[in-house]
C-alpha atoms as a PDB file:
ATOM      1  CA  MET A   1     -15.031 -26.196 -10.300  1.00  0.00           C
ATOM      2  CA  LEU A   2     -14.026 -22.902 -11.963  1.00  0.00           C
ATOM      3  CA  THR A   3     -10.641 -23.147 -13.827  1.00  0.00           C
ATOM      4  CA  ILE A   4      -8.314 -20.226 -14.894  1.00  0.00           C
ATOM      5  CA  ASP A   5      -5.143 -20.452 -16.857  1.00  0.00           C
ATOM      6  CA  ILE A   6      -2.001 -19.220 -15.072  1.00  0.00           C
ATOM      7  CA  GLN A   7      -1.826 -16.016 -17.598  1.00  0.00           C
ATOM      8  CA  THR A   8      -5.283 -14.657 -15.933  1.00  0.00           C
ATOM      9  CA  ALA A   9      -4.566 -15.841 -12.506  1.00  0.00           C
ATOM     10  CA  ARG A  10      -1.117 -13.795 -12.983  1.00  0.00           C
ATOM     11  CA  ARG A  11      -3.112 -10.822 -14.036  1.00  0.00           C
ATOM     12  CA  PHE A  12      -5.472 -11.446 -11.384  1.00  0.00           C
ATOM     13  CA  ILE A  13      -2.673 -11.144  -8.368  1.00  0.00           C
ATOM     14  CA  LEU A  14      -0.809  -8.535 -10.300  1.00  0.00           C
ATOM     15  CA  GLY A  15      -3.757  -6.450 -10.640  1.00  0.00           C
ATOM     16  CA  LYS A  16      -4.855  -6.739  -7.165  1.00  0.00           C
ATOM     17  CA  GLN A  17      -1.502  -5.255  -5.869  1.00  0.00           C
ATOM     18  CA  GLY A  18      -1.706  -2.438  -8.369  1.00  0.00           C
ATOM     19  CA  LEU A  19       1.190  -3.602 -10.402  1.00  0.00           C
ATOM     20  CA  TRP A  20      -0.784  -4.658 -13.480  1.00  0.00           C
ATOM     21  CA  PRO A  21      -1.150  -2.587 -15.580  1.00  0.00           C
ATOM     22  CA  GLY A  22       1.776  -0.838 -14.271  1.00  0.00           C
ATOM     23  CA  ARG A  23       1.939   2.847 -12.645  1.00  0.00           C
ATOM     24  CA  ARG A  24      -1.946   3.346 -13.242  1.00  0.00           C
ATOM     25  CA  TRP A  25      -2.276   5.926 -10.158  1.00  0.00           C
ATOM     26  CA  GLN A  26      -1.188   9.619 -10.160  1.00  0.00           C
ATOM     27  CA  GLY A  27      -1.046  12.207  -7.967  1.00  0.00           C
ATOM     28  CA  THR A  28      -2.063  12.534  -4.192  1.00  0.00           C
ATOM     29  CA  ASP A  29      -4.894  10.580  -4.474  1.00  0.00           C
ATOM     30  CA  GLY A  30      -3.032   8.079  -6.633  1.00  0.00           C
ATOM     31  CA  VAL A  31      -0.893   7.497  -3.549  1.00  0.00           C
ATOM     32  CA  THR A  32      -3.834   6.964  -1.225  1.00  0.00           C
ATOM     33  CA  GLN A  33      -5.882   4.609  -3.605  1.00  0.00           C
ATOM     34  CA  ALA A  34      -2.443   2.629  -4.115  1.00  0.00           C
ATOM     35  CA  MET A  35      -2.229   2.235  -0.520  1.00  0.00           C
ATOM     36  CA  THR A  36      -5.523   1.007  -0.128  1.00  0.00           C
ATOM     37  CA  ALA A  37      -5.015  -1.494  -2.768  1.00  0.00           C
ATOM     38  CA  ILE A  38      -1.834  -2.872  -1.460  1.00  0.00           C
ATOM     39  CA  GLU A  39      -3.560  -2.539   2.124  1.00  0.00           C
ATOM     40  CA  TYR A  40      -0.546  -3.559   4.317  1.00  0.00           C
ATOM     41  CA  LEU A  41       2.444  -1.438   3.345  1.00  0.00           C
ATOM     42  CA  GLN A  42       5.596  -2.047   4.737  1.00  0.00           C
ATOM     43  CA  LEU A  43       7.879   0.759   6.484  1.00  0.00           C
ATOM     44  CA  ASP A  44      11.439   0.704   6.259  1.00  0.00           C
ATOM     45  CA  PRO A  45      13.548   2.799   8.326  1.00  0.00           C
ATOM     46  CA  LEU A  46      16.702   1.883   6.756  1.00  0.00           C
ATOM     47  CA  GLN A  47      17.478   3.547   2.985  1.00  0.00           C
ATOM     48  CA  ILE A  48      20.032   1.720   1.084  1.00  0.00           C
ATOM     49  CA  ILE A  49      18.907   2.503  -2.453  1.00  0.00           C
ATOM     50  CA  ALA A  50      15.623   3.885  -1.071  1.00  0.00           C
ATOM     51  CA  ARG A  51      13.073   2.932   1.636  1.00  0.00           C
ATOM     52  CA  SER A  52      10.789  -0.101   0.700  1.00  0.00           C
ATOM     53  CA  GLN A  53       7.549   2.121   1.077  1.00  0.00           C
ATOM     54  CA  ASP A  54       8.868   4.599  -1.512  1.00  0.00           C
ATOM     55  CA  ILE A  55       9.872   1.604  -3.693  1.00  0.00           C
ATOM     56  CA  ALA A  56       6.763  -0.069  -3.360  1.00  0.00           C
ATOM     57  CA  LEU A  57       4.742   3.069  -4.061  1.00  0.00           C
ATOM     58  CA  HIS A  58       7.180   4.516  -6.856  1.00  0.00           C
ATOM     59  CA  SER A  59       6.202   1.337  -9.125  1.00  0.00           C
ATOM     60  CA  ARG A  60       2.217   1.676  -8.642  1.00  0.00           C
ATOM     61  CA  VAL A  61       1.941   5.734  -9.080  1.00  0.00           C
ATOM     62  CA  LEU A  62       2.899   7.817 -11.914  1.00  0.00           C
ATOM     63  CA  ASP A  63       4.469  10.622 -10.260  1.00  0.00           C
ATOM     64  CA  TYR A  64       5.280   9.358  -6.984  1.00  0.00           C
ATOM     65  CA  LYS A  65       7.876  11.489  -4.685  1.00  0.00           C
ATOM     66  CA  PRO A  66       9.645   9.853  -2.021  1.00  0.00           C
ATOM     67  CA  GLY A  67       7.127  10.852   1.272  1.00  0.00           C
ATOM     68  CA  ASP A  68       4.123  10.941  -0.435  1.00  0.00           C
ATOM     69  CA  TRP A  69       2.918   8.168   1.990  1.00  0.00           C
ATOM     70  CA  GLU A  70       3.373  10.141   5.034  1.00  0.00           C
ATOM     71  CA  THR A  71       0.939  13.121   3.686  1.00  0.00           C
ATOM     72  CA  ALA A  72      -1.508  10.274   3.159  1.00  0.00           C
ATOM     73  CA  ALA A  73      -1.480   8.266   6.257  1.00  0.00           C
ATOM     74  CA  TYR A  74      -0.409  11.144   9.039  1.00  0.00           C
ATOM     75  CA  GLN A  75      -1.654  14.491   7.308  1.00  0.00           C
ATOM     76  CA  GLN A  76      -4.809  13.243   5.843  1.00  0.00           C
ATOM     77  CA  ARG A  77      -5.072  10.523   8.290  1.00  0.00           C
ATOM     78  CA  GLY A  78      -5.925   7.737   6.132  1.00  0.00           C
ATOM     79  CA  PHE A  79      -3.953   4.961   7.636  1.00  0.00           C
ATOM     80  CA  PHE A  80      -2.779   4.039  10.881  1.00  0.00           C
ATOM     81  CA  ASP A  81       0.571   1.950  12.031  1.00  0.00           C
ATOM     82  CA  TRP A  82       0.662   0.022  14.790  1.00  0.00           C
ATOM     83  CA  GLY A  83       3.115  -1.910  17.278  1.00  0.00           C
ATOM     84  CA  GLY A  84       5.847  -3.733  15.949  1.00  0.00           C
ATOM     85  CA  TRP A  85       4.642  -4.234  12.480  1.00  0.00           C
ATOM     86  CA  LEU A  86       6.634  -1.055  10.768  1.00  0.00           C
ATOM     87  CA  ALA A  87       3.518  -1.417   8.324  1.00  0.00           C
ATOM     88  CA  THR A  88       0.089   0.982   7.541  1.00  0.00           C
ATOM     89  CA  ARG A  89      -3.191  -0.149   7.133  1.00  0.00           C
ATOM     90  CA  PRO A  90      -6.205   1.508   5.718  1.00  0.00           C
ATOM     91  CA  MET A  91      -8.092   3.799   8.807  1.00  0.00           C
ATOM     92  CA  ALA A  92     -11.196   2.077   7.778  1.00  0.00           C
ATOM     93  CA  GLU A  93      -9.698  -0.996   9.244  1.00  0.00           C
ATOM     94  CA  LEU A  94      -8.729   0.332  12.285  1.00  0.00           C
ATOM     95  CA  PRO A  95     -12.090  -0.661  14.488  1.00  0.00           C
ATOM     96  CA  TYR A  96     -11.408  -4.304  13.605  1.00  0.00           C
ATOM     97  CA  TRP A  97      -7.920  -4.160  15.147  1.00  0.00           C
ATOM     98  CA  ARG A  98      -9.032  -2.301  17.917  1.00  0.00           C
ATOM     99  CA  PRO A  99      -9.556  -5.626  20.175  1.00  0.00           C
ATOM    100  CA  VAL A 100      -6.080  -6.711  18.899  1.00  0.00           C
ATOM    101  CA  MET A 101      -4.454  -3.716  20.119  1.00  0.00           C
ATOM    102  CA  GLN A 102      -5.884  -3.979  23.764  1.00  0.00           C
ATOM    103  CA  ARG A 103      -4.380  -7.139  24.190  1.00  0.00           C
END
């Protein structure tokens, strides 16, 4: 059985989500890379301090500007949202979600 220490596990999880090392992406391509790494970016229509998707991407992309996710998702058509989820998924996953969407 493979065992790893807690520090390695922590870095793996944070690294998979793009939080370690911090803010490693940059620019418009960085927004796309971060959204792909996150896989499931929750969209929030409410803005108390900032919208949740902007907070999530600001912590991962060095020069992120609010609304950059919209360019990656809708103008570049790299991501899709569906139903009541209020979240985006990578466009490459769309064929796998079609059967669920047809129900």
